[in-house]
Amino acid sequence: MSEISAADVMKLRNITGAQMMACKQALIAAGGDMEKAIEVLRTKFKDIVAKTAGRETAEGRIGVHIDPAKQVGAILELRCESAPVAKNEMFVKLAGDLATQIALHEPATPEALLAQPYFADPKKTVADRITDLVGLMRENIKVARFARMTGLLGEYIHHDGTTGVLLHVEGAKANPQLLRDVCMHIAARNPVAALREHIPAERVAKEAEIAKAQAAEQGKGKPANIVEKIAEGKMRTWFAENVLAEQPFVKDDTKTVGALLQSHGLKLVNFVRYKVGEVATA
């Protein structure tokens, strides 16, 4: 076999992202055949996946993708083991790529997502794409959850990548910066729901019960209709604190988010807010 050239080693590294020594060893094992060397590395990566599969994934990043032309978008939470990997540019790119995959190909579950041909290289599956990065990072990487929306969409990812928002509105058109500002509001204020009707009835009933108990204590000795008005006021306050449409907008608290959107000819539909490691309670 002819000697493995530095150019071939570099070419394999550019294809796979693997370390130079690993690329050289793979080329040697494959007799200099580039395609066989790629498979050697992928087999090695799969062995690493098996070793890391049971490890806890407490860190991660939110990925978001919107295709304005097709009016589709997706958001996902991608998990890994350590903060340095969560900040690594290859991991950040994977989160964005997987959000693109979800937006374009609409998998129903994480398992279905992994089985799909990868949009940027249909010869691979999404699982193969993740396996390649696991082999490089040597950490467990997994898709924790995702959501897909269609329509007029806005998005925001916080600078540290741990919080992201995908927003759905209705209207003829929308200023992307306006939608981004509303998404930033959602990231900061963490509303329970977009609209009152999205809150489960049992949650509203529980809050109403608490409001009535507080009003009864606060309104001791006062007429029943006054106590009832106190309870109603407490519920209005609760809705204003927890329902996106009724929250005062963080950049201008003289108007609610719902009123802001309405003034631009838009109607709030829904949103998804993900924070790494956080379980939704709404």
Protein backbone atom coordinates (compact mmCIF):
# COMPACT_ATOMS: atom_id res chain seq x y z
CA MET A 1 0.00 0.00 0.00
CA SER A 2 1.24 3.48 -0.84
CA GLU A 3 1.98 5.89 2.02
CA ILE A 4 -1.01 7.83 3.36
CA SER A 5 -0.64 11.46 2.28
CA ALA A 6 -1.22 14.45 4.53
CA ALA A 7 -3.67 15.75 1.91
CA ASP A 8 -5.82 12.60 2.22
CA VAL A 9 -5.74 12.80 6.01
CA MET A 10 -6.87 16.43 5.85
CA LYS A 11 -9.59 15.58 3.33
CA LEU A 12 -10.97 12.87 5.65
CA ARG A 13 -10.81 15.25 8.60
CA ASN A 14 -12.80 17.85 6.63
CA ILE A 15 -15.43 15.25 5.76
CA THR A 16 -15.82 13.73 9.22
CA GLY A 17 -14.41 16.30 11.65
CA ALA A 18 -12.43 13.53 13.36
CA GLN A 19 -8.97 14.09 14.83
CA MET A 20 -6.00 13.94 12.45
CA MET A 21 -4.50 10.82 14.06
CA ALA A 22 -7.86 9.04 13.96
CA CYS A 23 -8.21 9.93 10.28
CA LYS A 24 -4.73 8.63 9.48
CA GLN A 25 -5.40 5.37 11.34
CA ALA A 26 -8.70 4.94 9.51
CA LEU A 27 -7.05 5.46 6.14
CA ILE A 28 -4.36 2.94 7.02
CA ALA A 29 -6.98 0.40 8.08
CA ALA A 30 -8.89 1.06 4.84
CA GLY A 31 -5.83 0.72 2.64
CA GLY A 32 -6.09 4.33 1.58
CA ASP A 33 -9.69 4.03 0.35
CA MET A 34 -11.52 7.21 1.41
CA GLU A 35 -15.05 5.73 1.49
CA LYS A 36 -13.90 2.72 3.51
CA ALA A 37 -12.03 5.03 5.89
CA ILE A 38 -15.24 7.00 6.48
CA GLU A 39 -17.03 3.76 7.38
CA VAL A 40 -14.16 2.79 9.70
CA LEU A 41 -14.62 6.06 11.57
CA ARG A 42 -18.41 5.71 11.67
CA THR A 43 -18.09 2.21 13.13
CA LYS A 44 -15.77 3.65 15.75
CA PHE A 45 -18.27 6.46 16.44
CA LYS A 46 -21.08 3.90 16.91
CA ASP A 47 -18.96 2.09 19.50
CA ILE A 48 -18.62 5.40 21.37
CA VAL A 49 -22.40 5.93 21.15
CA ALA A 50 -22.94 2.55 22.81
CA LYS A 51 -20.53 3.45 25.62
CA THR A 52 -22.08 6.89 26.27
CA ALA A 53 -25.77 6.03 25.80
CA GLY A 54 -26.58 5.68 29.49
CA ARG A 55 -24.88 8.85 30.66
CA GLU A 56 -26.92 11.75 32.04
CA THR A 57 -27.48 14.68 29.67
CA ALA A 58 -27.96 17.68 31.96
CA GLU A 59 -26.67 20.34 29.56
CA GLY A 60 -27.74 21.31 26.07
CA ARG A 61 -28.99 23.92 23.68
CA ILE A 62 -32.20 25.09 22.04
CA GLY A 63 -32.30 25.08 18.23
CA VAL A 64 -34.82 27.02 16.13
CA HIS A 65 -35.40 27.20 12.39
CA ILE A 66 -37.99 29.11 10.35
CA ASP A 67 -38.53 28.91 6.59
CA PRO A 68 -40.46 32.14 5.81
CA ALA A 69 -41.18 31.10 2.23
CA LYS A 70 -42.83 27.83 3.26
CA GLN A 71 -44.14 29.32 6.52
CA VAL A 72 -42.92 26.41 8.60
CA GLY A 73 -40.70 26.37 11.65
CA ALA A 74 -39.45 24.15 14.45
CA ILE A 75 -37.86 24.36 17.87
CA LEU A 76 -36.04 21.60 19.72
CA GLU A 77 -34.09 20.91 22.88
CA LEU A 78 -30.84 19.02 22.20
CA ARG A 79 -29.09 17.58 25.24
CA CYS A 80 -25.47 16.71 26.00
CA GLU A 81 -23.40 16.00 29.11
CA SER A 82 -21.27 19.10 29.65
CA ALA A 83 -21.42 22.88 29.24
CA PRO A 84 -18.30 23.05 27.02
CA VAL A 85 -19.88 20.68 24.49
CA ALA A 86 -23.18 22.62 24.63
CA LYS A 87 -21.22 25.72 23.57
CA ASN A 88 -19.12 23.94 20.93
CA GLU A 89 -19.82 25.31 17.44
CA MET A 90 -20.40 21.81 16.04
CA PHE A 91 -23.04 21.11 18.69
CA VAL A 92 -24.65 24.51 18.07
CA LYS A 93 -24.76 23.73 14.35
CA LEU A 94 -26.29 20.31 15.01
CA ALA A 95 -29.10 21.91 17.03
CA GLY A 96 -29.87 24.25 14.15
CA ASP A 97 -29.62 21.48 11.56
CA LEU A 98 -32.03 19.26 13.48
CA ALA A 99 -34.51 22.13 13.82
CA THR A 100 -34.30 22.51 10.03
CA GLN A 101 -34.87 18.77 9.60
CA ILE A 102 -37.98 18.89 11.79
CA ALA A 103 -39.38 21.95 10.03
CA LEU A 104 -38.90 20.47 6.57
CA HIS A 105 -39.78 16.81 7.19
CA GLU A 106 -42.30 16.85 10.08
CA PRO A 107 -41.33 13.80 12.17
CA ALA A 108 -43.96 12.80 14.72
CA THR A 109 -41.57 11.64 17.45
CA PRO A 110 -37.86 11.76 18.33
CA GLU A 111 -37.61 8.12 17.21
CA ALA A 112 -39.15 8.98 13.84
CA LEU A 113 -36.76 11.91 13.52
CA LEU A 114 -33.71 9.67 14.03
CA ALA A 115 -34.87 7.29 11.29
CA GLN A 116 -35.35 10.00 8.64
CA PRO A 117 -32.82 10.59 5.86
CA TYR A 118 -30.76 13.62 6.85
CA PHE A 119 -31.81 16.60 4.71
CA ALA A 120 -28.26 17.78 3.95
CA ASP A 121 -26.98 14.29 3.05
CA PRO A 122 -29.77 11.78 2.29
CA LYS A 123 -27.25 8.92 2.27
CA LYS A 124 -27.18 9.33 6.06
CA THR A 125 -29.97 9.12 8.58
CA VAL A 126 -30.41 11.76 11.27
CA ALA A 127 -29.16 9.13 13.74
CA ASP A 128 -25.97 8.85 11.67
CA ARG A 129 -25.53 12.63 11.80
CA ILE A 130 -25.82 12.58 15.60
CA THR A 131 -23.57 9.52 15.87
CA ASP A 132 -20.81 11.32 13.99
CA LEU A 133 -20.84 14.15 16.51
CA VAL A 134 -21.01 11.77 19.48
CA GLY A 135 -17.86 10.14 18.12
CA LEU A 136 -16.11 13.51 17.97
CA MET A 137 -17.37 14.94 21.27
CA ARG A 138 -17.32 11.62 23.14
CA GLU A 139 -20.47 12.57 25.00
CA ASN A 140 -24.04 11.32 24.99
CA ILE A 141 -26.17 13.54 22.73
CA LYS A 142 -29.92 13.18 22.42
CA VAL A 143 -33.02 15.01 21.25
CA ALA A 144 -35.10 15.75 24.34
CA ARG A 145 -38.21 17.28 22.71
CA PHE A 146 -39.34 19.33 19.74
CA ALA A 147 -42.32 21.16 18.27
CA ARG A 148 -43.26 22.24 14.75
CA MET A 149 -45.50 25.12 13.67
CA THR A 150 -46.91 26.41 10.39
CA GLY A 151 -47.95 29.96 9.56
CA LEU A 152 -46.54 33.41 10.27
CA LEU A 153 -43.72 32.75 12.74
CA GLY A 154 -41.14 34.52 14.87
CA GLU A 155 -38.23 33.17 16.91
CA TYR A 156 -35.61 34.00 19.49
CA ILE A 157 -32.74 32.15 21.16
CA HIS A 158 -31.12 33.67 24.24
CA HIS A 159 -27.41 34.43 23.87
CA ASP A 160 -26.39 31.43 26.01
CA GLY A 161 -28.52 29.06 23.94
CA THR A 162 -30.41 27.64 26.91
CA THR A 163 -33.76 29.36 26.23
CA GLY A 164 -35.61 29.62 22.95
CA VAL A 165 -39.04 30.63 21.68
CA LEU A 166 -41.09 29.93 18.57
CA LEU A 167 -44.12 32.23 18.11
CA HIS A 168 -47.17 31.84 15.85
CA VAL A 169 -49.34 34.81 14.86
CA GLU A 170 -51.99 35.44 12.21
CA GLY A 171 -52.03 38.39 9.83
CA ALA A 172 -51.15 39.54 6.34
CA LYS A 173 -47.49 40.15 7.22
CA ALA A 174 -45.33 40.86 10.25
CA ASN A 175 -42.17 42.78 11.05
CA PRO A 176 -39.61 40.10 12.03
CA GLN A 177 -38.13 42.42 14.67
CA LEU A 178 -41.55 42.91 16.28
CA LEU A 179 -42.02 39.14 16.49
CA ARG A 180 -38.49 38.75 17.85
CA ASP A 181 -39.24 41.35 20.53
CA VAL A 182 -42.37 39.44 21.56
CA CYS A 183 -40.33 36.22 21.64
CA MET A 184 -37.76 37.93 23.88
CA HIS A 185 -40.65 38.97 26.15
CA ILE A 186 -41.81 35.35 26.31
CA ALA A 187 -38.29 34.15 27.13
CA ALA A 188 -38.03 36.68 29.98
CA ARG A 189 -41.56 36.56 31.42
CA ASN A 190 -42.31 32.84 30.90
CA PRO A 191 -46.11 33.06 30.49
CA VAL A 192 -48.22 30.02 31.33
CA ALA A 193 -50.16 30.22 28.06
CA ALA A 194 -50.75 32.45 25.04
CA LEU A 195 -54.47 32.94 25.68
CA ARG A 196 -56.85 32.36 28.59
CA GLU A 197 -58.58 29.55 26.76
CA HIS A 198 -55.30 27.64 26.51
CA ILE A 199 -55.06 27.25 30.29
CA PRO A 200 -56.49 23.93 31.54
CA ALA A 201 -59.85 24.42 33.27
CA GLU A 202 -58.61 22.70 36.44
CA ARG A 203 -55.73 25.20 36.70
CA VAL A 204 -58.12 28.15 36.38
CA ALA A 205 -60.46 26.60 38.95
CA LYS A 206 -57.60 26.13 41.38
CA GLU A 207 -56.45 29.75 40.99
CA ALA A 208 -60.05 30.97 41.39
CA GLU A 209 -60.34 28.96 44.61
CA ILE A 210 -57.15 30.55 45.93
CA ALA A 211 -58.38 34.02 44.92
CA LYS A 212 -61.70 33.49 46.72
CA ALA A 213 -59.95 32.33 49.88
CA GLN A 214 -57.63 35.34 49.85
CA ALA A 215 -60.55 37.69 49.16
CA ALA A 216 -62.55 36.20 52.03
CA GLU A 217 -59.64 36.82 54.39
CA GLN A 218 -58.95 40.30 53.05
CA GLY A 219 -62.64 41.28 52.98
CA LYS A 220 -63.71 40.11 56.43
CA GLY A 221 -66.74 42.05 57.57
CA LYS A 222 -67.43 43.43 54.11
CA PRO A 223 -70.54 42.68 51.98
CA ALA A 224 -70.43 39.54 49.83
CA ASN A 225 -70.49 41.52 46.57
CA ILE A 226 -67.35 43.41 47.66
CA VAL A 227 -65.58 40.17 48.54
CA GLU A 228 -66.57 38.80 45.13
CA LYS A 229 -65.12 41.89 43.40
CA ILE A 230 -61.87 41.46 45.34
CA ALA A 231 -61.66 37.85 44.13
CA GLU A 232 -62.37 38.93 40.54
CA GLY A 233 -59.62 41.54 40.79
CA LYS A 234 -57.16 38.94 42.00
CA MET A 235 -58.00 36.70 39.04
CA ARG A 236 -57.54 39.60 36.61
CA THR A 237 -54.12 40.17 38.16
CA TRP A 238 -53.25 36.49 37.86
CA PHE A 239 -54.26 36.42 34.19
CA ALA A 240 -52.24 39.61 33.53
CA GLU A 241 -49.19 37.97 35.09
CA ASN A 242 -49.53 34.59 33.40
CA VAL A 243 -51.33 34.93 30.04
CA LEU A 244 -49.12 36.28 27.24
CA ALA A 245 -51.88 38.26 25.51
CA GLU A 246 -52.64 40.06 28.79
CA GLN A 247 -49.09 40.63 30.05
CA PRO A 248 -47.78 44.22 29.87
CA PHE A 249 -45.14 44.27 27.13
CA VAL A 250 -41.64 44.44 28.63
CA LYS A 251 -40.52 47.22 26.28
CA ASP A 252 -43.66 49.32 26.77
CA ASP A 253 -45.79 48.41 29.77
CA THR A 254 -48.54 50.87 28.74
CA LYS A 255 -49.88 48.17 26.40
CA THR A 256 -50.34 44.43 26.60
CA VAL A 257 -48.69 42.01 24.22
CA GLY A 258 -52.09 41.26 22.70
CA ALA A 259 -52.80 44.96 22.13
CA LEU A 260 -49.32 45.48 20.67
CA LEU A 261 -49.83 42.73 18.11
CA GLN A 262 -53.33 43.94 17.32
CA SER A 263 -52.00 47.45 16.62
CA HIS A 264 -49.83 45.88 13.91
CA GLY A 265 -52.71 43.92 12.38
CA LEU A 266 -51.71 40.66 14.04
CA LYS A 267 -53.50 38.11 16.19
CA LEU A 268 -51.70 35.92 18.71
CA VAL A 269 -52.15 32.21 18.07
CA ASN A 270 -49.65 30.33 20.26
CA PHE A 271 -46.02 29.93 21.25
CA VAL A 272 -43.54 27.31 22.41
CA ARG A 273 -40.91 28.26 24.99
CA TYR A 274 -38.14 25.77 25.79
CA LYS A 275 -35.50 26.07 28.47
CA VAL A 276 -32.85 23.38 28.72
CA GLY A 277 -33.71 20.98 31.54
CA GLU A 278 -37.03 22.64 32.31
CA VAL A 279 -40.29 20.68 32.15
CA ALA A 280 -43.33 22.63 30.94
CA THR A 281 -46.03 23.01 33.58
CA ALA A 282 -48.79 24.57 31.51
